[in-house]
C-alpha atoms as a PDB file:
ATOM      1  CA  UNK A   1     120.049 166.603  54.685  1.00  0.00           C
ATOM      2  CA  UNK A   2     118.116 163.402  54.010  1.00  0.00           C
ATOM      3  CA  UNK A   3     119.891 160.600  52.101  1.00  0.00           C
ATOM      4  CA  UNK A   4     118.554 159.912  48.595  1.00  0.00           C
ATOM      5  CA  UNK A   5     115.524 157.608  48.379  1.00  0.00           C
ATOM      6  CA  UNK A   6     117.642 154.768  46.935  1.00  0.00           C
ATOM      7  CA  UNK A   7     119.839 154.847  50.031  1.00  0.00           C
ATOM      8  CA  UNK A   8     116.825 154.809  52.339  1.00  0.00           C
ATOM      9  CA  UNK A   9     115.301 151.853  50.513  1.00  0.00           C
ATOM     10  CA  UNK A  10     118.658 150.068  50.653  1.00  0.00           C
ATOM     11  CA  UNK A  11     118.774 150.694  54.389  1.00  0.00           C
ATOM     12  CA  UNK A  12     115.322 149.152  54.746  1.00  0.00           C
ATOM     13  CA  UNK A  13     116.517 145.977  53.066  1.00  0.00           C
ATOM     14  CA  UNK A  14     119.330 145.723  55.592  1.00  0.00           C
ATOM     15  CA  UNK A  15     116.886 146.201  58.458  1.00  0.00           C
ATOM     16  CA  UNK A  16     114.903 143.159  57.288  1.00  0.00           C
ATOM     17  CA  UNK A  17     117.743 140.880  58.331  1.00  0.00           C
ATOM     18  CA  UNK A  18     117.949 142.393  61.813  1.00  0.00           C
ATOM     19  CA  UNK A  19     114.352 142.237  63.014  1.00  0.00           C
ATOM     20  CA  UNK A  20     112.644 139.008  64.080  1.00  0.00           C
ATOM     21  CA  UNK A  21     109.035 137.777  63.848  1.00  0.00           C
ATOM     22  CA  UNK A  22     107.446 135.096  66.025  1.00  0.00           C
ATOM     23  CA  UNK A  23     104.941 133.383  63.708  1.00  0.00           C
ATOM     24  CA  UNK A  24     106.571 130.002  64.263  1.00  0.00           C
ATOM     25  CA  UNK A  25     105.806 130.191  67.994  1.00  0.00           C
ATOM     26  CA  UNK A  26     102.047 130.268  67.400  1.00  0.00           C
ATOM     27  CA  UNK A  27      99.915 127.116  67.432  1.00  0.00           C
ATOM     28  CA  UNK A  28      99.158 125.825  63.946  1.00  0.00           C
ATOM     29  CA  UNK A  29      95.593 125.072  62.887  1.00  0.00           C
ATOM     30  CA  UNK A  30      94.447 122.306  60.552  1.00  0.00           C
ATOM     31  CA  UNK A  31      93.789 123.896  57.162  1.00  0.00           C
ATOM     32  CA  UNK A  32      92.735 120.809  55.229  1.00  0.00           C
ATOM     33  CA  UNK A  33      92.719 117.140  56.203  1.00  0.00           C
ATOM     34  CA  UNK A  34      91.774 113.775  54.736  1.00  0.00           C
ATOM     35  CA  UNK A  35      92.900 111.554  57.624  1.00  0.00           C
ATOM     36  CA  UNK A  36      93.541 107.832  57.320  1.00  0.00           C
ATOM     37  CA  UNK A  37      90.897 106.097  59.413  1.00  0.00           C
ATOM     38  CA  UNK A  38      90.786 102.384  58.610  1.00  0.00           C
ATOM     39  CA  UNK A  39      90.034  99.905  55.867  1.00  0.00           C
ATOM     40  CA  UNK A  40      92.106 100.335  52.743  1.00  0.00           C
ATOM     41  CA  UNK A  41      95.869 100.316  53.134  1.00  0.00           C
ATOM     42  CA  UNK A  42      96.855  99.831  49.504  1.00  0.00           C
ATOM     43  CA  UNK A  43      98.384 102.952  48.062  1.00  0.00           C
ATOM     44  CA  UNK A  44     101.023 104.459  45.809  1.00  0.00           C
ATOM     45  CA  UNK A  45     104.745 104.209  46.372  1.00  0.00           C
ATOM     46  CA  UNK A  46     106.303 107.692  46.414  1.00  0.00           C
ATOM     47  CA  UNK A  47     110.064 107.854  46.103  1.00  0.00           C
ATOM     48  CA  UNK A  48     112.810 110.139  44.856  1.00  0.00           C
ATOM     49  CA  UNK A  49     115.385 108.024  43.018  1.00  0.00           C
ATOM     50  CA  UNK A  50     119.072 109.020  42.629  1.00  0.00           C
ATOM     51  CA  UNK A  51     120.029 111.221  39.638  1.00  0.00           C
ATOM     52  CA  UNK A  52     121.018 108.263  37.472  1.00  0.00           C
ATOM     53  CA  UNK A  53     117.478 106.918  37.879  1.00  0.00           C
ATOM     54  CA  UNK A  54     115.490 110.162  37.800  1.00  0.00           C
ATOM     55  CA  UNK A  55     113.071 108.687  35.264  1.00  0.00           C
ATOM     56  CA  UNK A  56     111.800 106.399  38.054  1.00  0.00           C
ATOM     57  CA  UNK A  57     110.830 109.226  40.463  1.00  0.00           C
ATOM     58  CA  UNK A  58     107.339 108.831  41.942  1.00  0.00           C
ATOM     59  CA  UNK A  59     105.143 111.523  43.502  1.00  0.00           C
ATOM     60  CA  UNK A  60     101.704 111.517  45.127  1.00  0.00           C
ATOM     61  CA  UNK A  61      99.239 114.366  44.534  1.00  0.00           C
ATOM     62  CA  UNK A  62      96.074 115.558  46.295  1.00  0.00           C
ATOM     63  CA  UNK A  63      93.915 118.626  45.649  1.00  0.00           C
ATOM     64  CA  UNK A  64      92.593 121.228  48.083  1.00  0.00           C
ATOM     65  CA  UNK A  65      90.950 124.645  48.107  1.00  0.00           C
ATOM     66  CA  UNK A  66      91.267 127.536  50.549  1.00  0.00           C
ATOM     67  CA  UNK A  67      88.933 130.537  50.733  1.00  0.00           C
ATOM     68  CA  UNK A  68      91.252 132.802  52.729  1.00  0.00           C
ATOM     69  CA  UNK A  69      95.040 133.232  52.890  1.00  0.00           C
ATOM     70  CA  UNK A  70      97.151 130.998  55.150  1.00  0.00           C
ATOM     71  CA  UNK A  71     100.749 130.772  56.286  1.00  0.00           C
ATOM     72  CA  UNK A  72     101.433 127.149  55.355  1.00  0.00           C
ATOM     73  CA  UNK A  73     103.303 125.102  57.953  1.00  0.00           C
ATOM     74  CA  UNK A  74     103.306 121.333  58.457  1.00  0.00           C
ATOM     75  CA  UNK A  75     102.420 118.762  55.804  1.00  0.00           C
ATOM     76  CA  UNK A  76     101.921 115.111  56.777  1.00  0.00           C
ATOM     77  CA  UNK A  77     100.749 111.778  55.368  1.00  0.00           C
ATOM     78  CA  UNK A  78     100.330 108.362  56.984  1.00  0.00           C
ATOM     79  CA  UNK A  79     101.841 105.305  55.311  1.00  0.00           C
ATOM     80  CA  UNK A  80     104.147 102.323  55.459  1.00  0.00           C
ATOM     81  CA  UNK A  81     107.313 103.307  57.285  1.00  0.00           C
ATOM     82  CA  UNK A  82     109.865 100.715  56.091  1.00  0.00           C
ATOM     83  CA  UNK A  83     113.321 102.271  56.046  1.00  0.00           C
ATOM     84  CA  UNK A  84     114.412 105.681  57.308  1.00  0.00           C
ATOM     85  CA  UNK A  85     114.048 108.612  54.901  1.00  0.00           C
ATOM     86  CA  UNK A  86     116.581 111.420  54.669  1.00  0.00           C
ATOM     87  CA  UNK A  87     113.871 113.955  53.779  1.00  0.00           C
ATOM     88  CA  UNK A  88     110.246 114.412  52.815  1.00  0.00           C
ATOM     89  CA  UNK A  89     109.860 116.846  49.914  1.00  0.00           C
ATOM     90  CA  UNK A  90     106.505 118.533  49.290  1.00  0.00           C
ATOM     91  CA  UNK A  91     105.478 121.215  46.827  1.00  0.00           C
ATOM     92  CA  UNK A  92     102.251 123.127  46.247  1.00  0.00           C
ATOM     93  CA  UNK A  93     101.190 123.748  42.666  1.00  0.00           C
ATOM     94  CA  UNK A  94      98.483 125.892  41.069  1.00  0.00           C
ATOM     95  CA  UNK A  95      97.513 123.076  38.678  1.00  0.00           C
ATOM     96  CA  UNK A  96      98.223 119.442  37.931  1.00  0.00           C
ATOM     97  CA  UNK A  97     101.677 118.679  36.519  1.00  0.00           C
ATOM     98  CA  UNK A  98     103.255 119.014  34.103  1.00  0.00           C
ATOM     99  CA  UNK A  99     101.453 122.291  33.299  1.00  0.00           C
ATOM    100  CA  UNK A 100     100.848 123.376  36.907  1.00  0.00           C
ATOM    101  CA  UNK A 101     103.389 125.796  38.371  1.00  0.00           C
ATOM    102  CA  UNK A 102     105.100 125.333  41.757  1.00  0.00           C
ATOM    103  CA  UNK A 103     104.064 128.163  44.073  1.00  0.00           C
ATOM    104  CA  UNK A 104     105.986 126.965  47.142  1.00  0.00           C
ATOM    105  CA  UNK A 105     108.300 124.160  48.295  1.00  0.00           C
ATOM    106  CA  UNK A 106     108.906 122.618  51.712  1.00  0.00           C
ATOM    107  CA  UNK A 107     111.973 123.542  53.730  1.00  0.00           C
ATOM    108  CA  UNK A 108     114.922 121.318  52.693  1.00  0.00           C
ATOM    109  CA  UNK A 109     115.902 118.923  55.471  1.00  0.00           C
ATOM    110  CA  UNK A 110     112.697 119.445  57.467  1.00  0.00           C
ATOM    111  CA  UNK A 111     111.232 116.034  56.573  1.00  0.00           C
ATOM    112  CA  UNK A 112     111.077 113.029  58.877  1.00  0.00           C
ATOM    113  CA  UNK A 113     108.851 110.110  59.857  1.00  0.00           C
ATOM    114  CA  UNK A 114     107.498 108.973  63.228  1.00  0.00           C
ATOM    115  CA  UNK A 115     107.889 106.238  64.346  1.00  0.00           C
ATOM    116  CA  UNK A 116     110.994 105.116  62.486  1.00  0.00           C
ATOM    117  CA  UNK A 117     109.658 101.650  61.610  1.00  0.00           C
ATOM    118  CA  UNK A 118     106.347 100.087  60.627  1.00  0.00           C
ATOM    119  CA  UNK A 119     103.344 102.257  59.854  1.00  0.00           C
ATOM    120  CA  UNK A 120     104.357 105.867  60.274  1.00  0.00           C
ATOM    121  CA  UNK A 121     103.560 109.513  59.639  1.00  0.00           C
ATOM    122  CA  UNK A 122     105.755 111.246  57.063  1.00  0.00           C
ATOM    123  CA  UNK A 123     105.924 115.007  57.551  1.00  0.00           C
ATOM    124  CA  UNK A 124     107.745 118.177  56.570  1.00  0.00           C
ATOM    125  CA  UNK A 125     107.222 121.943  56.849  1.00  0.00           C
ATOM    126  CA  UNK A 126     106.646 124.818  54.451  1.00  0.00           C
ATOM    127  CA  UNK A 127     107.980 127.260  57.050  1.00  0.00           C
ATOM    128  CA  UNK A 128     104.871 129.487  57.093  1.00  0.00           C
ATOM    129  CA  UNK A 129     104.989 130.678  53.513  1.00  0.00           C
ATOM    130  CA  UNK A 130     101.910 132.678  52.528  1.00  0.00           C
ATOM    131  CA  UNK A 131      99.343 131.025  50.249  1.00  0.00           C
ATOM    132  CA  UNK A 132      96.414 133.093  49.015  1.00  0.00           C
ATOM    133  CA  UNK A 133      92.864 131.811  48.470  1.00  0.00           C
ATOM    134  CA  UNK A 134      92.488 129.467  45.512  1.00  0.00           C
ATOM    135  CA  UNK A 135      92.580 125.876  44.248  1.00  0.00           C
ATOM    136  CA  UNK A 136      95.862 124.021  44.667  1.00  0.00           C
ATOM    137  CA  UNK A 137      97.553 120.625  44.524  1.00  0.00           C
ATOM    138  CA  UNK A 138     100.009 119.313  47.116  1.00  0.00           C
ATOM    139  CA  UNK A 139     102.594 116.878  45.704  1.00  0.00           C
ATOM    140  CA  UNK A 140     105.151 114.934  47.732  1.00  0.00           C
ATOM    141  CA  UNK A 141     107.895 112.329  47.553  1.00  0.00           C
ATOM    142  CA  UNK A 142     110.303 110.617  49.964  1.00  0.00           C
ATOM    143  CA  UNK A 143     114.098 110.811  49.753  1.00  0.00           C
ATOM    144  CA  UNK A 144     116.530 108.194  51.028  1.00  0.00           C
ATOM    145  CA  UNK A 145     118.307 104.959  50.137  1.00  0.00           C
ATOM    146  CA  UNK A 146     116.069 103.325  47.518  1.00  0.00           C
ATOM    147  CA  UNK A 147     117.411  99.883  48.435  1.00  0.00           C
ATOM    148  CA  UNK A 148     116.144 100.291  52.018  1.00  0.00           C
ATOM    149  CA  UNK A 149     112.961 102.386  51.672  1.00  0.00           C
ATOM    150  CA  UNK A 150     109.434 101.255  50.861  1.00  0.00           C
ATOM    151  CA  UNK A 151     107.435 104.487  51.272  1.00  0.00           C
ATOM    152  CA  UNK A 152     103.791 103.625  50.511  1.00  0.00           C
ATOM    153  CA  UNK A 153     101.106 106.220  51.267  1.00  0.00           C
ATOM    154  CA  UNK A 154      97.724 104.856  52.386  1.00  0.00           C
ATOM    155  CA  UNK A 155      94.601 105.618  50.352  1.00  0.00           C
ATOM    156  CA  UNK A 156      91.464 106.980  51.989  1.00  0.00           C
ATOM    157  CA  UNK A 157      88.029 107.280  50.405  1.00  0.00           C
ATOM    158  CA  UNK A 158      85.362 109.793  51.381  1.00  0.00           C
ATOM    159  CA  UNK A 159      84.994 113.470  52.138  1.00  0.00           C
ATOM    160  CA  UNK A 160      87.668 115.599  53.743  1.00  0.00           C
ATOM    161  CA  UNK A 161      87.405 115.875  57.542  1.00  0.00           C
ATOM    162  CA  UNK A 162      88.585 119.498  57.506  1.00  0.00           C
ATOM    163  CA  UNK A 163      88.801 122.061  54.763  1.00  0.00           C
ATOM    164  CA  UNK A 164      87.751 121.515  51.174  1.00  0.00           C
ATOM    165  CA  UNK A 165      88.849 119.118  48.459  1.00  0.00           C
ATOM    166  CA  UNK A 166      87.403 116.839  45.793  1.00  0.00           C
ATOM    167  CA  UNK A 167      86.463 113.442  47.298  1.00  0.00           C
ATOM    168  CA  UNK A 168      88.026 110.275  45.871  1.00  0.00           C
ATOM    169  CA  UNK A 169      90.467 112.131  43.650  1.00  0.00           C
ATOM    170  CA  UNK A 170      94.238 111.694  43.879  1.00  0.00           C
ATOM    171  CA  UNK A 171      97.072 111.155  41.411  1.00  0.00           C
ATOM    172  CA  UNK A 172     100.340 109.258  41.005  1.00  0.00           C
ATOM    173  CA  UNK A 173     103.005 111.131  39.026  1.00  0.00           C
ATOM    174  CA  UNK A 174     106.086 109.693  37.269  1.00  0.00           C
ATOM    175  CA  UNK A 175     107.540 112.727  35.453  1.00  0.00           C
ATOM    176  CA  UNK A 176     110.275 110.735  33.679  1.00  0.00           C
ATOM    177  CA  UNK A 177     107.842 108.013  32.507  1.00  0.00           C
ATOM    178  CA  UNK A 178     110.344 105.374  33.628  1.00  0.00           C
ATOM    179  CA  UNK A 179     107.572 103.061  34.827  1.00  0.00           C
ATOM    180  CA  UNK A 180     105.958 103.061  31.387  1.00  0.00           C
ATOM    181  CA  UNK A 181     102.387 103.582  32.546  1.00  0.00           C
ATOM    182  CA  UNK A 182      99.939 103.324  29.625  1.00  0.00           C
ATOM    183  CA  UNK A 183      98.189 106.442  30.954  1.00  0.00           C
ATOM    184  CA  UNK A 184     101.419 108.444  30.557  1.00  0.00           C
ATOM    185  CA  UNK A 185     103.211 110.290  33.362  1.00  0.00           C
ATOM    186  CA  UNK A 186     100.086 111.025  35.454  1.00  0.00           C
ATOM    187  CA  UNK A 187      97.424 108.552  36.512  1.00  0.00           C
ATOM    188  CA  UNK A 188      94.487 108.432  38.907  1.00  0.00           C
ATOM    189  CA  UNK A 189      95.040 106.515  42.159  1.00  0.00           C
ATOM    190  CA  UNK A 190      92.725 103.500  42.554  1.00  0.00           C
ATOM    191  CA  UNK A 191      91.659 101.696  45.723  1.00  0.00           C
ATOM    192  CA  UNK A 192      92.961  98.187  44.993  1.00  0.00           C
ATOM    193  CA  UNK A 193      96.355  96.611  44.401  1.00  0.00           C
ATOM    194  CA  UNK A 194      98.049  96.589  40.995  1.00  0.00           C
ATOM    195  CA  UNK A 195      96.266  99.778  39.968  1.00  0.00           C
ATOM    196  CA  UNK A 196      92.783  98.284  39.922  1.00  0.00           C
ATOM    197  CA  UNK A 197      89.480  99.256  41.481  1.00  0.00           C
ATOM    198  CA  UNK A 198      87.817 102.640  41.834  1.00  0.00           C
ATOM    199  CA  UNK A 199      89.238 106.169  42.121  1.00  0.00           C
ATOM    200  CA  UNK A 200      89.994 107.100  45.710  1.00  0.00           C
ATOM    201  CA  UNK A 201      91.674 109.755  47.802  1.00  0.00           C
ATOM    202  CA  UNK A 202      95.044 109.748  49.539  1.00  0.00           C
ATOM    203  CA  UNK A 203      95.317 110.688  53.199  1.00  0.00           C
ATOM    204  CA  UNK A 204      97.132 113.947  53.987  1.00  0.00           C
ATOM    205  CA  UNK A 205      97.022 116.979  56.250  1.00  0.00           C
ATOM    206  CA  UNK A 206      98.128 120.601  55.957  1.00  0.00           C
ATOM    207  CA  UNK A 207      98.475 122.849  59.002  1.00  0.00           C
ATOM    208  CA  UNK A 208      99.339 126.512  59.320  1.00  0.00           C
ATOM    209  CA  UNK A 209      98.461 129.938  60.651  1.00  0.00           C
ATOM    210  CA  UNK A 210      95.712 132.246  59.467  1.00  0.00           C
ATOM    211  CA  UNK A 211      97.466 134.876  57.367  1.00  0.00           C
ATOM    212  CA  UNK A 212      97.179 138.466  58.599  1.00  0.00           C
ATOM    213  CA  UNK A 213      95.857 141.283  56.429  1.00  0.00           C
ATOM    214  CA  UNK A 214      98.077 144.173  55.395  1.00  0.00           C
ATOM    215  CA  UNK A 215      97.839 147.941  55.309  1.00  0.00           C
ATOM    216  CA  UNK A 216      97.613 149.992  52.137  1.00  0.00           C
ATOM    217  CA  UNK A 217     100.229 150.926  49.524  1.00  0.00           C
ATOM    218  CA  UNK A 218      98.961 154.463  50.189  1.00  0.00           C
ATOM    219  CA  UNK A 219     100.446 154.183  53.669  1.00  0.00           C
ATOM    220  CA  UNK A 220      99.917 157.825  54.612  1.00  0.00           C
ATOM    221  CA  UNK A 221      96.502 157.970  52.901  1.00  0.00           C
ATOM    222  CA  UNK A 222      97.174 161.194  51.041  1.00  0.00           C
ATOM    223  CA  UNK A 223      95.507 159.882  47.878  1.00  0.00           C
ATOM    224  CA  UNK A 224      98.790 159.034  46.090  1.00  0.00           C
ATOM    225  CA  UNK A 225      99.724 155.357  46.158  1.00  0.00           C
ATOM    226  CA  UNK A 226     103.220 153.841  46.500  1.00  0.00           C
ATOM    227  CA  UNK A 227     105.112 157.127  46.557  1.00  0.00           C
ATOM    228  CA  UNK A 228     108.317 158.243  48.259  1.00  0.00           C
ATOM    229  CA  UNK A 229     106.095 159.929  50.833  1.00  0.00           C
ATOM    230  CA  UNK A 230     104.515 156.562  51.692  1.00  0.00           C
ATOM    231  CA  UNK A 231     107.954 155.002  52.178  1.00  0.00           C
ATOM    232  CA  UNK A 232     109.111 157.904  54.361  1.00  0.00           C
ATOM    233  CA  UNK A 233     105.916 157.737  56.429  1.00  0.00           C
ATOM    234  CA  UNK A 234     106.264 153.959  56.840  1.00  0.00           C
ATOM    235  CA  UNK A 235     109.814 154.134  58.187  1.00  0.00           C
ATOM    236  CA  UNK A 236     108.935 157.048  60.448  1.00  0.00           C
ATOM    237  CA  UNK A 237     106.042 154.975  61.773  1.00  0.00           C
ATOM    238  CA  UNK A 238     108.079 151.860  62.547  1.00  0.00           C
ATOM    239  CA  UNK A 239     110.567 154.158  64.291  1.00  0.00           C
ATOM    240  CA  UNK A 240     107.750 155.284  66.584  1.00  0.00           C
ATOM    241  CA  UNK A 241     106.377 158.401  64.876  1.00  0.00           C
ATOM    242  CA  UNK A 242     103.199 157.526  62.957  1.00  0.00           C
ATOM    243  CA  UNK A 243     101.238 160.261  61.211  1.00  0.00           C
ATOM    244  CA  UNK A 244      97.569 160.711  62.147  1.00  0.00           C
ATOM    245  CA  UNK A 245      96.342 159.217  58.849  1.00  0.00           C
ATOM    246  CA  UNK A 246      98.973 156.487  58.574  1.00  0.00           C
ATOM    247  CA  UNK A 247      98.424 152.761  58.722  1.00  0.00           C
ATOM    248  CA  UNK A 248      99.829 150.859  61.692  1.00  0.00           C
ATOM    249  CA  UNK A 249     103.483 149.974  62.245  1.00  0.00           C
ATOM    250  CA  UNK A 250     102.107 146.428  62.514  1.00  0.00           C
ATOM    251  CA  UNK A 251     101.653 146.575  58.749  1.00  0.00           C
ATOM    252  CA  UNK A 252     100.848 142.872  58.277  1.00  0.00           C
ATOM    253  CA  UNK A 253      98.483 142.769  61.257  1.00  0.00           C
ATOM    254  CA  UNK A 254     100.110 139.773  62.944  1.00  0.00           C
ATOM    255  CA  UNK A 255     100.258 141.401  66.386  1.00  0.00           C
ATOM    256  CA  UNK A 256     104.020 142.068  66.291  1.00  0.00           C
ATOM    257  CA  UNK A 257     104.925 145.698  65.616  1.00  0.00           C
ATOM    258  CA  UNK A 258     107.789 146.931  63.405  1.00  0.00           C
ATOM    259  CA  UNK A 259     109.264 143.542  62.537  1.00  0.00           C
ATOM    260  CA  UNK A 260     111.051 142.261  59.468  1.00  0.00           C
ATOM    261  CA  UNK A 261     107.752 140.673  58.410  1.00  0.00           C
ATOM    262  CA  UNK A 262     106.098 144.123  58.421  1.00  0.00           C
ATOM    263  CA  UNK A 263     108.849 145.564  56.229  1.00  0.00           C
ATOM    264  CA  UNK A 264     108.722 142.642  53.807  1.00  0.00           C
ATOM    265  CA  UNK A 265     104.934 142.868  53.570  1.00  0.00           C
ATOM    266  CA  UNK A 266     105.065 146.642  53.023  1.00  0.00           C
ATOM    267  CA  UNK A 267     107.374 146.339  50.043  1.00  0.00           C
ATOM    268  CA  UNK A 268     105.366 143.468  48.570  1.00  0.00           C
ATOM    269  CA  UNK A 269     102.211 145.575  48.729  1.00  0.00           C
ATOM    270  CA  UNK A 270     104.075 148.639  47.479  1.00  0.00           C
ATOM    271  CA  UNK A 271     105.129 146.619  44.405  1.00  0.00           C
ATOM    272  CA  UNK A 272     101.526 145.598  43.738  1.00  0.00           C
ATOM    273  CA  UNK A 273     101.710 142.129  45.273  1.00  0.00           C
ATOM    274  CA  UNK A 274      99.734 140.407  47.998  1.00  0.00           C
ATOM    275  CA  UNK A 275     100.239 140.850  51.733  1.00  0.00           C
END
């Protein structure tokens, strides 16, 4: 006798923790990039202050667009590397703050800077979270001892070198309004010191892996979508017995068959979500 469907679904959840994918071993591609080249070095200070001074927190923001889904990996920005940070925190939003919603956050503890003194590259990782096509904003700040750090990100005018974004558009964000900017909590970054000059961009780079495409919620292609029969056919397939009309056991199309990533993607699609 077969176990009830709830038991089989519960079993599938347990299997997720046992199977391993290898996306992290692949070589990341540049998704979008506005690299620092030369010239201007003035730029915004970005710093995460301790809880008692949260109103002073400073973030930098740049926009970008993607026309196909990606598994987002490394974020980086070039700036002034005085002091050693404890982390670089980056988030991706679907709109400018405070109304924009966070759609993903970097992996805690993954941030660092190289070299550890002077001008340096600040970087962190999003751990290959999936981001679908659309317009987004990447926002970042630097954590560490505020008495030792001077994390200034360098501005860069002109078009993006890779990917798509709006030229000469970047923002400085002080959510607690502790700096008392007349513009409020969000202001445009300008290309000269003391917040003067013309609007400009802020150098940054996002890397990642092209996101695979998934199979159908009608896994067995019998005309009925997201049914018990689709779940049964899926688990039979990843166990090595695929029906003639079934999708592949490599459900997410990443080249690795019957992994935890395939199971996770199957249940996302089954629930009506994206791959």
